[in-house]
Structures are given as C-alpha cells and as structure tokens.
C-alpha cells in the first residue's frame, strides 16, 4: 500500500535526528536535504502524488579545476585525512536513507 503524499510529507521531519548533520525540509511537493556546513550541496526528491513516484536530483559542490597539486604524504597526510573523515560516506548514507524512506512508503523511483 502506498502512503498518500500528505502523510508522507508529514513524516519527513522524522528523518532528522538530534545530532544529524543534514536537514530534511518539505518545500511544496519536494523533499530537500541540505548540509548547513556545505551550502553548495543539496539532494532533492521531486514527488509526483498522482503516480506515487519520485525523481532525485543531487547538486554537489564544484570540483576545483586546473593542475592537480600533490602534497607530501598524499592521503597519509594527517590534515587531509581529518578533512575527509566521514563527509562523502555520510552523503551516500543520507541518500540511501531517503531512498529507503520513500520506498518503504510504497513510492517508486522515476527513471
């Protein structure tokens, strides 16, 4: 059984935990996931209430252009390791959690 659009949107705040780095917000018939620490990143689920489908759009920060710079120590450099810790895997987890939330509610991903 598919959860109606209004009920689904009412459940969105339950995706935010007390210590969650990402925020889930309802804007019209869309769910927007944002990272307050990185305003360039967002994940949007556009919902079609009639068809009970959704379309995901992910906006990532621009990658730096130009020649690549290699620092001594590469990934083994402690400063780099600390900067990378948990950021990208967190985004993947947030996306997987949103997908699971929508699929448990009976919604299908539009391709």
C-alpha atoms as a PDB file:
ATOM      1  CA  UNK A   1       0.000   0.000   0.000  1.00  0.00           C
ATOM      2  CA  UNK A   2       1.310   3.426  -0.939  1.00  0.00           C
ATOM      3  CA  UNK A   3       1.383   6.213   1.631  1.00  0.00           C
ATOM      4  CA  UNK A   4      -0.552   9.293   0.434  1.00  0.00           C
ATOM      5  CA  UNK A   5       1.504  12.388  -0.373  1.00  0.00           C
ATOM      6  CA  UNK A   6       0.275  14.467   2.587  1.00  0.00           C
ATOM      7  CA  UNK A   7       1.032  11.670   5.071  1.00  0.00           C
ATOM      8  CA  UNK A   8       4.454  11.114   3.526  1.00  0.00           C
ATOM      9  CA  UNK A   9       5.344  14.815   3.754  1.00  0.00           C
ATOM     10  CA  UNK A  10       4.179  14.905   7.383  1.00  0.00           C
ATOM     11  CA  UNK A  11       6.702  12.138   8.204  1.00  0.00           C
ATOM     12  CA  UNK A  12       9.713  13.937   6.700  1.00  0.00           C
ATOM     13  CA  UNK A  13      10.778  15.655   9.978  1.00  0.00           C
ATOM     14  CA  UNK A  14      11.283  12.183  11.489  1.00  0.00           C
ATOM     15  CA  UNK A  15      14.328  11.795   9.202  1.00  0.00           C
ATOM     16  CA  UNK A  16      16.211  14.469  11.179  1.00  0.00           C
ATOM     17  CA  UNK A  17      17.914  13.094  14.258  1.00  0.00           C
ATOM     18  CA  UNK A  18      19.016  15.283  17.155  1.00  0.00           C
ATOM     19  CA  UNK A  19      22.668  15.133  16.062  1.00  0.00           C
ATOM     20  CA  UNK A  20      22.098  14.878  12.293  1.00  0.00           C
ATOM     21  CA  UNK A  21      24.391  16.963  10.108  1.00  0.00           C
ATOM     22  CA  UNK A  22      21.837  17.094   7.277  1.00  0.00           C
ATOM     23  CA  UNK A  23      18.383  18.715   7.381  1.00  0.00           C
ATOM     24  CA  UNK A  24      15.288  17.410   5.580  1.00  0.00           C
ATOM     25  CA  UNK A  25      12.815  20.123   4.583  1.00  0.00           C
ATOM     26  CA  UNK A  26       9.479  19.975   2.770  1.00  0.00           C
ATOM     27  CA  UNK A  27       9.093  22.602   0.035  1.00  0.00           C
ATOM     28  CA  UNK A  28       5.790  22.216  -1.762  1.00  0.00           C
ATOM     29  CA  UNK A  29       5.782  18.661  -3.122  1.00  0.00           C
ATOM     30  CA  UNK A  30       9.526  18.163  -2.776  1.00  0.00           C
ATOM     31  CA  UNK A  31      11.846  16.979  -0.043  1.00  0.00           C
ATOM     32  CA  UNK A  32      15.092  18.948   0.128  1.00  0.00           C
ATOM     33  CA  UNK A  33      18.086  17.573   2.032  1.00  0.00           C
ATOM     34  CA  UNK A  34      20.744  20.162   2.816  1.00  0.00           C
ATOM     35  CA  UNK A  35      24.008  20.351   4.716  1.00  0.00           C
ATOM     36  CA  UNK A  36      24.275  23.585   6.751  1.00  0.00           C
ATOM     37  CA  UNK A  37      28.069  23.188   6.772  1.00  0.00           C
ATOM     38  CA  UNK A  38      28.186  22.956   2.951  1.00  0.00           C
ATOM     39  CA  UNK A  39      25.544  25.236   1.366  1.00  0.00           C
ATOM     40  CA  UNK A  40      26.564  24.130  -2.155  1.00  0.00           C
ATOM     41  CA  UNK A  41      25.276  20.575  -1.554  1.00  0.00           C
ATOM     42  CA  UNK A  42      21.626  19.556  -1.804  1.00  0.00           C
ATOM     43  CA  UNK A  43      19.589  16.462  -2.537  1.00  0.00           C
ATOM     44  CA  UNK A  44      16.047  16.986  -3.838  1.00  0.00           C
ATOM     45  CA  UNK A  45      13.273  14.423  -4.194  1.00  0.00           C
ATOM     46  CA  UNK A  46      10.538  15.712  -6.511  1.00  0.00           C
ATOM     47  CA  UNK A  47       7.338  13.829  -5.678  1.00  0.00           C
ATOM     48  CA  UNK A  48       4.510  13.046  -8.107  1.00  0.00           C
ATOM     49  CA  UNK A  49       1.471  12.442  -5.913  1.00  0.00           C
ATOM     50  CA  UNK A  50      -0.704  11.112  -8.753  1.00  0.00           C
ATOM     51  CA  UNK A  51       1.758   8.437  -9.905  1.00  0.00           C
ATOM     52  CA  UNK A  52       3.378   7.864  -6.465  1.00  0.00           C
ATOM     53  CA  UNK A  53       6.822   8.273  -7.995  1.00  0.00           C
ATOM     54  CA  UNK A  54       9.822  10.433  -7.182  1.00  0.00           C
ATOM     55  CA  UNK A  55      12.842  11.802  -9.020  1.00  0.00           C
ATOM     56  CA  UNK A  56      16.125  12.527  -7.224  1.00  0.00           C
ATOM     57  CA  UNK A  57      18.411  15.421  -8.090  1.00  0.00           C
ATOM     58  CA  UNK A  58      21.753  15.857  -6.339  1.00  0.00           C
ATOM     59  CA  UNK A  59      23.744  19.090  -6.517  1.00  0.00           C
ATOM     60  CA  UNK A  60      27.350  18.730  -5.466  1.00  0.00           C
ATOM     61  CA  UNK A  61      30.000  21.420  -4.922  1.00  0.00           C
ATOM     62  CA  UNK A  62      32.042  22.268  -7.993  1.00  0.00           C
ATOM     63  CA  UNK A  63      35.305  20.409  -8.295  1.00  0.00           C
ATOM     64  CA  UNK A  64      38.403  22.569  -8.492  1.00  0.00           C
ATOM     65  CA  UNK A  65      39.832  22.961 -11.975  1.00  0.00           C
ATOM     66  CA  UNK A  66      43.378  23.446 -13.103  1.00  0.00           C
ATOM     67  CA  UNK A  67      46.507  21.464 -12.491  1.00  0.00           C
ATOM     68  CA  UNK A  68      46.357  18.971  -9.669  1.00  0.00           C
ATOM     69  CA  UNK A  69      48.540  19.650  -6.703  1.00  0.00           C
ATOM     70  CA  UNK A  70      50.115  16.809  -4.808  1.00  0.00           C
ATOM     71  CA  UNK A  71      51.137  17.322  -1.205  1.00  0.00           C
ATOM     72  CA  UNK A  72      53.805  15.314   0.516  1.00  0.00           C
ATOM     73  CA  UNK A  73      52.244  12.342   2.222  1.00  0.00           C
ATOM     74  CA  UNK A  74      49.201  12.159  -0.055  1.00  0.00           C
ATOM     75  CA  UNK A  75      46.219  10.659   1.725  1.00  0.00           C
ATOM     76  CA  UNK A  76      48.515   9.665   4.552  1.00  0.00           C
ATOM     77  CA  UNK A  77      48.871  13.337   5.437  1.00  0.00           C
ATOM     78  CA  UNK A  78      47.026  13.750   8.771  1.00  0.00           C
ATOM     79  CA  UNK A  79      45.449  17.086   7.788  1.00  0.00           C
ATOM     80  CA  UNK A  80      43.945  15.567   4.638  1.00  0.00           C
ATOM     81  CA  UNK A  81      42.720  12.516   6.489  1.00  0.00           C
ATOM     82  CA  UNK A  82      40.892  14.696   9.029  1.00  0.00           C
ATOM     83  CA  UNK A  83      39.281  16.798   6.294  1.00  0.00           C
ATOM     84  CA  UNK A  84      37.993  13.688   4.503  1.00  0.00           C
ATOM     85  CA  UNK A  85      36.741  11.887   7.581  1.00  0.00           C
ATOM     86  CA  UNK A  86      33.128  10.813   7.148  1.00  0.00           C
ATOM     87  CA  UNK A  87      31.987  13.512   4.718  1.00  0.00           C
ATOM     88  CA  UNK A  88      31.409  11.592   1.481  1.00  0.00           C
ATOM     89  CA  UNK A  89      30.193   8.366   3.116  1.00  0.00           C
ATOM     90  CA  UNK A  90      27.712  10.491   5.090  1.00  0.00           C
ATOM     91  CA  UNK A  91      26.248  11.857   1.860  1.00  0.00           C
ATOM     92  CA  UNK A  92      25.852   8.353   0.492  1.00  0.00           C
ATOM     93  CA  UNK A  93      24.139   7.257   3.726  1.00  0.00           C
ATOM     94  CA  UNK A  94      21.779  10.245   3.677  1.00  0.00           C
ATOM     95  CA  UNK A  95      20.824   9.446   0.080  1.00  0.00           C
ATOM     96  CA  UNK A  96      20.303   5.751   0.898  1.00  0.00           C
ATOM     97  CA  UNK A  97      18.160   6.670   3.927  1.00  0.00           C
ATOM     98  CA  UNK A  98      15.946   8.961   1.837  1.00  0.00           C
ATOM     99  CA  UNK A  99      15.554   6.270  -0.837  1.00  0.00           C
ATOM    100  CA  UNK A 100      14.657   3.675   1.806  1.00  0.00           C
ATOM    101  CA  UNK A 101      12.151   6.061   3.439  1.00  0.00           C
ATOM    102  CA  UNK A 102      10.357   6.657   0.131  1.00  0.00           C
ATOM    103  CA  UNK A 103      10.437   3.008  -0.947  1.00  0.00           C
ATOM    104  CA  UNK A 104       9.098   1.797   2.435  1.00  0.00           C
ATOM    105  CA  UNK A 105       6.185   4.182   1.888  1.00  0.00           C
ATOM    106  CA  UNK A 106       5.460   2.438  -1.430  1.00  0.00           C
ATOM    107  CA  UNK A 107       6.815   5.164  -3.699  1.00  0.00           C
ATOM    108  CA  UNK A 108       8.771   4.192  -6.834  1.00  0.00           C
ATOM    109  CA  UNK A 109      11.739   5.969  -8.359  1.00  0.00           C
ATOM    110  CA  UNK A 110      11.004   7.500 -11.781  1.00  0.00           C
ATOM    111  CA  UNK A 111      13.878   6.929 -14.153  1.00  0.00           C
END
